[in-house]
């Protein structure tokens, strides 16, 4: 119950603050949006690079696995000769 009352008080104070300092709020918003876009773009670039590295690593492991299977299949053939 106390958390609900405190939450309501904080929301009311937040609305009063935005209404009172609206020009300052807009200024902070204008300054923070480009920074958020830069951070989001960097995060997307990092995720893309990681994805590419993972796919390359998966291809290498798949090729090694195929080579191992081929060598296992060739060993019994060599023994029968």
PDB file of N, CA and C in Angstrom:
ATOM      1  N   UNK A   1       0.828  -1.192   0.000  1.00  0.00           N
ATOM      2  CA  UNK A   1       0.000   0.000   0.000  1.00  0.00           C
ATOM      3  C   UNK A   1       0.871   1.254   0.000  1.00  0.00           C
ATOM      4  N   UNK A   2       1.965   1.211   0.767  1.00  0.00           N
ATOM      5  CA  UNK A   2       2.856   2.362   0.853  1.00  0.00           C
ATOM      6  C   UNK A   2       3.514   2.605  -0.506  1.00  0.00           C
ATOM      7  N   UNK A   3       3.903   1.519  -1.196  1.00  0.00           N
ATOM      8  CA  UNK A   3       4.543   1.659  -2.503  1.00  0.00           C
ATOM      9  C   UNK A   3       3.589   2.308  -3.505  1.00  0.00           C
ATOM     10  N   UNK A   4       2.299   1.975  -3.423  1.00  0.00           N
ATOM     11  CA  UNK A   4       1.306   2.563  -4.313  1.00  0.00           C
ATOM     12  C   UNK A   4       1.171   4.068  -4.069  1.00  0.00           C
ATOM     13  N   UNK A   5       1.119   4.454  -2.828  1.00  0.00           N
ATOM     14  CA  UNK A   5       1.004   5.882  -2.483  1.00  0.00           C
ATOM     15  C   UNK A   5       2.250   6.644  -2.918  1.00  0.00           C
ATOM     16  N   UNK A   6       3.416   6.086  -2.647  1.00  0.00           N
ATOM     17  CA  UNK A   6       4.670   6.735  -3.057  1.00  0.00           C
ATOM     18  C   UNK A   6       4.742   6.816  -4.572  1.00  0.00           C
ATOM     19  N   UNK A   7       4.331   5.763  -5.255  1.00  0.00           N
ATOM     20  CA  UNK A   7       4.314   5.769  -6.714  1.00  0.00           C
ATOM     21  C   UNK A   7       3.417   6.865  -7.270  1.00  0.00           C
ATOM     22  N   UNK A   8       2.236   7.026  -6.708  1.00  0.00           N
ATOM     23  CA  UNK A   8       1.324   8.089  -7.147  1.00  0.00           C
ATOM     24  C   UNK A   8       1.917   9.471  -6.907  1.00  0.00           C
ATOM     25  N   UNK A   9       2.546   9.654  -5.762  1.00  0.00           N
ATOM     26  CA  UNK A   9       3.166  10.949  -5.443  1.00  0.00           C
ATOM     27  C   UNK A   9       4.283  11.250  -6.453  1.00  0.00           C
ATOM     28  N   UNK A  10       5.104  10.262  -6.751  1.00  0.00           N
ATOM     29  CA  UNK A  10       6.211  10.454  -7.682  1.00  0.00           C
ATOM     30  C   UNK A  10       5.691  10.770  -9.084  1.00  0.00           C
ATOM     31  N   UNK A  11       4.633  10.089  -9.522  1.00  0.00           N
ATOM     32  CA  UNK A  11       4.053  10.362 -10.841  1.00  0.00           C
ATOM     33  C   UNK A  11       3.522  11.785 -10.900  1.00  0.00           C
ATOM     34  N   UNK A  12       2.821  12.212  -9.860  1.00  0.00           N
ATOM     35  CA  UNK A  12       2.289  13.581  -9.827  1.00  0.00           C
ATOM     36  C   UNK A  12       3.428  14.594  -9.863  1.00  0.00           C
ATOM     37  N   UNK A  13       4.483  14.360  -9.089  1.00  0.00           N
ATOM     38  CA  UNK A  13       5.628  15.272  -9.103  1.00  0.00           C
ATOM     39  C   UNK A  13       6.300  15.287 -10.476  1.00  0.00           C
ATOM     40  N   UNK A  14       6.374  14.132 -11.128  1.00  0.00           N
ATOM     41  CA  UNK A  14       6.958  14.061 -12.466  1.00  0.00           C
ATOM     42  C   UNK A  14       6.153  14.851 -13.479  1.00  0.00           C
ATOM     43  N   UNK A  15       4.831  14.724 -13.428  1.00  0.00           N
ATOM     44  CA  UNK A  15       3.976  15.478 -14.346  1.00  0.00           C
ATOM     45  C   UNK A  15       4.097  16.973 -14.078  1.00  0.00           C
ATOM     46  N   UNK A  16       4.106  17.378 -12.813  1.00  0.00           N
ATOM     47  CA  UNK A  16       4.278  18.796 -12.469  1.00  0.00           C
ATOM     48  C   UNK A  16       5.637  19.293 -12.965  1.00  0.00           C
ATOM     49  N   UNK A  17       6.674  18.478 -12.807  1.00  0.00           N
ATOM     50  CA  UNK A  17       8.006  18.862 -13.263  1.00  0.00           C
ATOM     51  C   UNK A  17       8.078  19.038 -14.768  1.00  0.00           C
ATOM     52  N   UNK A  18       7.460  18.116 -15.519  1.00  0.00           N
ATOM     53  CA  UNK A  18       7.470  18.232 -16.983  1.00  0.00           C
ATOM     54  C   UNK A  18       6.702  19.478 -17.426  1.00  0.00           C
ATOM     55  N   UNK A  19       5.554  19.723 -16.797  1.00  0.00           N
ATOM     56  CA  UNK A  19       4.757  20.896 -17.173  1.00  0.00           C
ATOM     57  C   UNK A  19       5.509  22.177 -16.822  1.00  0.00           C
ATOM     58  N   UNK A  20       6.125  22.211 -15.653  1.00  0.00           N
ATOM     59  CA  UNK A  20       6.823  23.409 -15.197  1.00  0.00           C
ATOM     60  C   UNK A  20       8.083  23.676 -16.020  1.00  0.00           C
ATOM     61  N   UNK A  21       8.855  22.632 -16.270  1.00  0.00           N
ATOM     62  CA  UNK A  21      10.136  22.788 -16.969  1.00  0.00           C
ATOM     63  C   UNK A  21      10.091  22.170 -18.368  1.00  0.00           C
ATOM     64  N   UNK A  22       8.989  22.347 -19.063  1.00  0.00           N
ATOM     65  CA  UNK A  22       8.832  21.733 -20.374  1.00  0.00           C
ATOM     66  C   UNK A  22       9.924  22.131 -21.367  1.00  0.00           C
ATOM     67  N   UNK A  23      10.299  23.416 -21.462  1.00  0.00           N
ATOM     68  CA  UNK A  23      11.377  23.755 -22.400  1.00  0.00           C
ATOM     69  C   UNK A  23      12.698  23.061 -22.062  1.00  0.00           C
ATOM     70  N   UNK A  24      13.006  22.954 -20.789  1.00  0.00           N
ATOM     71  CA  UNK A  24      14.222  22.240 -20.380  1.00  0.00           C
ATOM     72  C   UNK A  24      14.113  20.742 -20.692  1.00  0.00           C
ATOM     73  N   UNK A  25      12.918  20.205 -20.486  1.00  0.00           N
ATOM     74  CA  UNK A  25      12.681  18.793 -20.788  1.00  0.00           C
ATOM     75  C   UNK A  25      12.898  18.517 -22.271  1.00  0.00           C
ATOM     76  N   UNK A  26      12.381  19.394 -23.120  1.00  0.00           N
ATOM     77  CA  UNK A  26      12.549  19.231 -24.565  1.00  0.00           C
ATOM     78  C   UNK A  26      14.019  19.366 -24.944  1.00  0.00           C
ATOM     79  N   UNK A  27      14.731  20.269 -24.302  1.00  0.00           N
ATOM     80  CA  UNK A  27      16.151  20.449 -24.587  1.00  0.00           C
ATOM     81  C   UNK A  27      16.939  19.177 -24.246  1.00  0.00           C
ATOM     82  N   UNK A  28      16.642  18.586 -23.109  1.00  0.00           N
ATOM     83  CA  UNK A  28      17.317  17.333 -22.714  1.00  0.00           C
ATOM     84  C   UNK A  28      16.958  16.224 -23.693  1.00  0.00           C
ATOM     85  N   UNK A  29      15.701  16.191 -24.108  1.00  0.00           N
ATOM     86  CA  UNK A  29      15.268  15.180 -25.069  1.00  0.00           C
ATOM     87  C   UNK A  29      15.985  15.346 -26.399  1.00  0.00           C
ATOM     88  N   UNK A  30      16.118  16.583 -26.853  1.00  0.00           N
ATOM     89  CA  UNK A  30      16.832  16.851 -28.107  1.00  0.00           C
ATOM     90  C   UNK A  30      18.291  16.423 -28.014  1.00  0.00           C
ATOM     91  N   UNK A  31      18.897  16.601 -26.872  1.00  0.00           N
ATOM     92  CA  UNK A  31      20.294  16.220 -26.701  1.00  0.00           C
ATOM     93  C   UNK A  31      20.497  14.732 -26.518  1.00  0.00           C
ATOM     94  N   UNK A  32      19.509  14.053 -25.950  1.00  0.00           N
ATOM     95  CA  UNK A  32      19.687  12.635 -25.658  1.00  0.00           C
ATOM     96  C   UNK A  32      19.332  11.730 -26.838  1.00  0.00           C
ATOM     97  N   UNK A  33      18.460  12.173 -27.729  1.00  0.00           N
ATOM     98  CA  UNK A  33      18.057  11.326 -28.858  1.00  0.00           C
ATOM     99  C   UNK A  33      19.248  10.993 -29.768  1.00  0.00           C
ATOM    100  N   UNK A  34      20.065  11.973 -30.189  1.00  0.00           N
ATOM    101  CA  UNK A  34      21.221  11.592 -31.018  1.00  0.00           C
ATOM    102  C   UNK A  34      22.193  10.648 -30.299  1.00  0.00           C
ATOM    103  N   UNK A  35      22.383  10.871 -29.014  1.00  0.00           N
ATOM    104  CA  UNK A  35      23.274   9.985 -28.252  1.00  0.00           C
ATOM    105  C   UNK A  35      22.705   8.566 -28.212  1.00  0.00           C
ATOM    106  N   UNK A  36      21.398   8.442 -28.034  1.00  0.00           N
ATOM    107  CA  UNK A  36      20.772   7.120 -28.026  1.00  0.00           C
ATOM    108  C   UNK A  36      20.873   6.459 -29.401  1.00  0.00           C
ATOM    109  N   UNK A  37      20.724   7.246 -30.466  1.00  0.00           N
ATOM    110  CA  UNK A  37      20.855   6.689 -31.815  1.00  0.00           C
ATOM    111  C   UNK A  37      22.274   6.179 -32.065  1.00  0.00           C
ATOM    112  N   UNK A  38      23.270   6.929 -31.614  1.00  0.00           N
ATOM    113  CA  UNK A  38      24.662   6.500 -31.772  1.00  0.00           C
ATOM    114  C   UNK A  38      24.904   5.203 -31.012  1.00  0.00           C
ATOM    115  N   UNK A  39      24.440   5.143 -29.775  1.00  0.00           N
ATOM    116  CA  UNK A  39      24.632   3.926 -28.970  1.00  0.00           C
ATOM    117  C   UNK A  39      23.895   2.738 -29.588  1.00  0.00           C
ATOM    118  N   UNK A  40      22.681   2.962 -30.075  1.00  0.00           N
ATOM    119  CA  UNK A  40      21.924   1.889 -30.718  1.00  0.00           C
ATOM    120  C   UNK A  40      22.603   1.408 -31.991  1.00  0.00           C
ATOM    121  N   UNK A  41      23.144   2.349 -32.765  1.00  0.00           N
ATOM    122  CA  UNK A  41      23.862   1.973 -33.985  1.00  0.00           C
ATOM    123  C   UNK A  41      25.107   1.165 -33.687  1.00  0.00           C
ATOM    124  N   UNK A  42      25.865   1.587 -32.678  1.00  0.00           N
ATOM    125  CA  UNK A  42      27.061   0.831 -32.296  1.00  0.00           C
ATOM    126  C   UNK A  42      26.693  -0.570 -31.818  1.00  0.00           C
ATOM    127  N   UNK A  43      25.618  -0.665 -31.070  1.00  0.00           N
ATOM    128  CA  UNK A  43      25.169  -1.968 -30.593  1.00  0.00           C
ATOM    129  C   UNK A  43      24.779  -2.867 -31.769  1.00  0.00           C
ATOM    130  N   UNK A  44      24.106  -2.298 -32.763  1.00  0.00           N
ATOM    131  CA  UNK A  44      23.724  -3.077 -33.946  1.00  0.00           C
ATOM    132  C   UNK A  44      24.956  -3.529 -34.729  1.00  0.00           C
ATOM    133  N   UNK A  45      25.953  -2.655 -34.845  1.00  0.00           N
ATOM    134  CA  UNK A  45      27.193  -3.018 -35.547  1.00  0.00           C
ATOM    135  C   UNK A  45      27.898  -4.159 -34.821  1.00  0.00           C
ATOM    136  N   UNK A  46      28.007  -4.057 -33.512  1.00  0.00           N
ATOM    137  CA  UNK A  46      28.653  -5.109 -32.718  1.00  0.00           C
ATOM    138  C   UNK A  46      27.897  -6.422 -32.859  1.00  0.00           C
ATOM    139  N   UNK A  47      26.565  -6.370 -32.824  1.00  0.00           N
ATOM    140  CA  UNK A  47      25.769  -7.590 -32.981  1.00  0.00           C
ATOM    141  C   UNK A  47      25.975  -8.199 -34.368  1.00  0.00           C
ATOM    142  N   UNK A  48      26.065  -7.365 -35.387  1.00  0.00           N
ATOM    143  CA  UNK A  48      26.292  -7.866 -36.736  1.00  0.00           C
ATOM    144  C   UNK A  48      27.645  -8.524 -36.886  1.00  0.00           C
ATOM    145  N   UNK A  49      28.679  -7.892 -36.340  1.00  0.00           N
ATOM    146  CA  UNK A  49      30.024  -8.458 -36.413  1.00  0.00           C
ATOM    147  C   UNK A  49      30.073  -9.791 -35.670  1.00  0.00           C
ATOM    148  N   UNK A  50      29.456  -9.852 -34.509  1.00  0.00           N
ATOM    149  CA  UNK A  50      29.430 -11.090 -33.736  1.00  0.00           C
ATOM    150  C   UNK A  50      28.710 -12.190 -34.500  1.00  0.00           C
ATOM    151  N   UNK A  51      27.619 -11.830 -35.151  1.00  0.00           N
ATOM    152  CA  UNK A  51      26.870 -12.806 -35.940  1.00  0.00           C
ATOM    153  C   UNK A  51      27.714 -13.345 -37.088  1.00  0.00           C
ATOM    154  N   UNK A  52      28.437 -12.477 -37.760  1.00  0.00           N
ATOM    155  CA  UNK A  52      29.300 -12.906 -38.867  1.00  0.00           C
ATOM    156  C   UNK A  52      30.406 -13.822 -38.355  1.00  0.00           C
ATOM    157  N   UNK A  53      31.022 -13.450 -37.240  1.00  0.00           N
ATOM    158  CA  UNK A  53      32.074 -14.293 -36.659  1.00  0.00           C
ATOM    159  C   UNK A  53      31.528 -15.657 -36.271  1.00  0.00           C
ATOM    160  N   UNK A  54      30.322 -15.690 -35.693  1.00  0.00           N
ATOM    161  CA  UNK A  54      29.725 -16.963 -35.300  1.00  0.00           C
ATOM    162  C   UNK A  54      29.443 -17.844 -36.507  1.00  0.00           C
ATOM    163  N   UNK A  55      28.962 -17.253 -37.603  1.00  0.00           N
ATOM    164  CA  UNK A  55      28.673 -18.058 -38.787  1.00  0.00           C
ATOM    165  C   UNK A  55      29.959 -18.594 -39.413  1.00  0.00           C
ATOM    166  N   UNK A  56      31.012 -17.803 -39.409  1.00  0.00           N
ATOM    167  CA  UNK A  56      32.304 -18.274 -39.928  1.00  0.00           C
ATOM    168  C   UNK A  56      32.821 -19.420 -39.074  1.00  0.00           C
ATOM    169  N   UNK A  57      32.734 -19.287 -37.766  1.00  0.00           N
ATOM    170  CA  UNK A  57      33.194 -20.338 -36.852  1.00  0.00           C
ATOM    171  C   UNK A  57      32.365 -21.610 -37.043  1.00  0.00           C
ATOM    172  N   UNK A  58      31.055 -21.459 -37.247  1.00  0.00           N
ATOM    173  CA  UNK A  58      30.199 -22.627 -37.455  1.00  0.00           C
ATOM    174  C   UNK A  58      30.576 -23.341 -38.749  1.00  0.00           C
ATOM    175  N   UNK A  59      30.900 -22.593 -39.803  1.00  0.00           N
ATOM    176  CA  UNK A  59      31.312 -23.208 -41.061  1.00  0.00           C
ATOM    177  C   UNK A  59      32.621 -23.966 -40.890  1.00  0.00           C
ATOM    178  N   UNK A  60      33.571 -23.382 -40.138  1.00  0.00           N
ATOM    179  CA  UNK A  60      34.849 -24.066 -39.903  1.00  0.00           C
ATOM    180  C   UNK A  60      34.637 -25.370 -39.143  1.00  0.00           C
ATOM    181  N   UNK A  61      33.796 -25.327 -38.105  1.00  0.00           N
ATOM    182  CA  UNK A  61      33.536 -26.535 -37.332  1.00  0.00           C
ATOM    183  C   UNK A  61      32.837 -27.585 -38.184  1.00  0.00           C
ATOM    184  N   UNK A  62      31.934 -27.154 -39.035  1.00  0.00           N
ATOM    185  CA  UNK A  62      31.241 -28.091 -39.920  1.00  0.00           C
ATOM    186  C   UNK A  62      32.209 -28.749 -40.890  1.00  0.00           C
ATOM    187  N   UNK A  63      33.144 -27.978 -41.448  1.00  0.00           N
ATOM    188  CA  UNK A  63      34.134 -28.529 -42.361  1.00  0.00           C
ATOM    189  C   UNK A  63      35.043 -29.525 -41.646  1.00  0.00           C
ATOM    190  N   UNK A  64      35.462 -29.186 -40.424  1.00  0.00           N
ATOM    191  CA  UNK A  64      36.302 -30.112 -39.649  1.00  0.00           C
ATOM    192  C   UNK A  64      35.553 -31.394 -39.351  1.00  0.00           C
ATOM    193  N   UNK A  65      34.280 -31.270 -39.029  1.00  0.00           N
ATOM    194  CA  UNK A  65      33.470 -32.445 -38.726  1.00  0.00           C
ATOM    195  C   UNK A  65      33.344 -33.337 -39.960  1.00  0.00           C
ATOM    196  N   UNK A  66      33.154 -32.735 -41.137  1.00  0.00           N
ATOM    197  CA  UNK A  66      33.063 -33.510 -42.372  1.00  0.00           C
ATOM    198  C   UNK A  66      34.379 -34.212 -42.677  1.00  0.00           C
ATOM    199  N   UNK A  67      35.513 -33.518 -42.452  1.00  0.00           N
ATOM    200  CA  UNK A  67      36.822 -34.125 -42.687  1.00  0.00           C
ATOM    201  C   UNK A  67      37.038 -35.315 -41.762  1.00  0.00           C
ATOM    202  N   UNK A  68      36.629 -35.168 -40.492  1.00  0.00           N
ATOM    203  CA  UNK A  68      36.780 -36.273 -39.543  1.00  0.00           C
ATOM    204  C   UNK A  68      35.939 -37.467 -39.970  1.00  0.00           C
ATOM    205  N   UNK A  69      34.720 -37.209 -40.435  1.00  0.00           N
ATOM    206  CA  UNK A  69      33.861 -38.305 -40.878  1.00  0.00           C
ATOM    207  C   UNK A  69      34.452 -39.001 -42.101  1.00  0.00           C
ATOM    208  N   UNK A  70      35.003 -38.218 -43.020  1.00  0.00           N
ATOM    209  CA  UNK A  70      35.610 -38.800 -44.211  1.00  0.00           C
ATOM    210  C   UNK A  70      36.817 -39.647 -43.846  1.00  0.00           C
ATOM    211  N   UNK A  71      37.622 -39.147 -42.910  1.00  0.00           N
ATOM    212  CA  UNK A  71      38.805 -39.919 -42.518  1.00  0.00           C
ATOM    213  C   UNK A  71      38.402 -41.199 -41.781  1.00  0.00           C
ATOM    214  N   UNK A  72      37.333 -41.163 -41.018  1.00  0.00           N
ATOM    215  CA  UNK A  72      36.859 -42.370 -40.328  1.00  0.00           C
ATOM    216  C   UNK A  72      36.317 -43.380 -41.326  1.00  0.00           C
ATOM    217  N   UNK A  73      35.675 -42.891 -42.380  1.00  0.00           N
ATOM    218  CA  UNK A  73      35.139 -43.790 -43.397  1.00  0.00           C
ATOM    219  C   UNK A  73      36.254 -44.375 -44.255  1.00  0.00           C
ATOM    220  N   UNK A  74      37.333 -43.644 -44.443  1.00  0.00           N
ATOM    221  CA  UNK A  74      38.443 -44.114 -45.279  1.00  0.00           C
ATOM    222  C   UNK A  74      39.315 -45.118 -44.522  1.00  0.00           C
ATOM    223  N   UNK A  75      39.406 -45.047 -43.221  1.00  0.00           N
ATOM    224  CA  UNK A  75      40.250 -45.968 -42.441  1.00  0.00           C
ATOM    225  C   UNK A  75      39.823 -47.414 -42.596  1.00  0.00           C
ATOM    226  N   UNK A  76      38.559 -47.757 -42.482  1.00  0.00           N
ATOM    227  CA  UNK A  76      38.206 -49.171 -42.676  1.00  0.00           C
ATOM    228  C   UNK A  76      38.472 -49.651 -44.097  1.00  0.00           C
ATOM    229  N   UNK A  77      38.335 -48.788 -45.095  1.00  0.00           N
ATOM    230  CA  UNK A  77      38.609 -49.162 -46.469  1.00  0.00           C
ATOM    231  C   UNK A  77      40.080 -49.526 -46.630  1.00  0.00           C
ATOM    232  N   UNK A  78      40.955 -48.805 -45.981  1.00  0.00           N
ATOM    233  CA  UNK A  78      42.384 -49.073 -46.105  1.00  0.00           C
ATOM    234  C   UNK A  78      42.762 -50.391 -45.440  1.00  0.00           C
ATOM    235  N   UNK A  79      42.068 -50.773 -44.366  1.00  0.00           N
ATOM    236  CA  UNK A  79      42.371 -52.017 -43.667  1.00  0.00           C
ATOM    237  C   UNK A  79      41.951 -53.238 -44.487  1.00  0.00           C
ATOM    238  N   UNK A  80      40.902 -53.128 -45.274  1.00  0.00           N
ATOM    239  CA  UNK A  80      40.415 -54.264 -46.039  1.00  0.00           C
ATOM    240  C   UNK A  80      41.264 -54.567 -47.258  1.00  0.00           C
ATOM    241  N   UNK A  81      42.083 -53.641 -47.682  1.00  0.00           N
ATOM    242  CA  UNK A  81      42.920 -53.865 -48.875  1.00  0.00           C
ATOM    243  C   UNK A  81      44.015 -54.851 -48.649  1.00  0.00           C
TER     244      UNK A  81
END
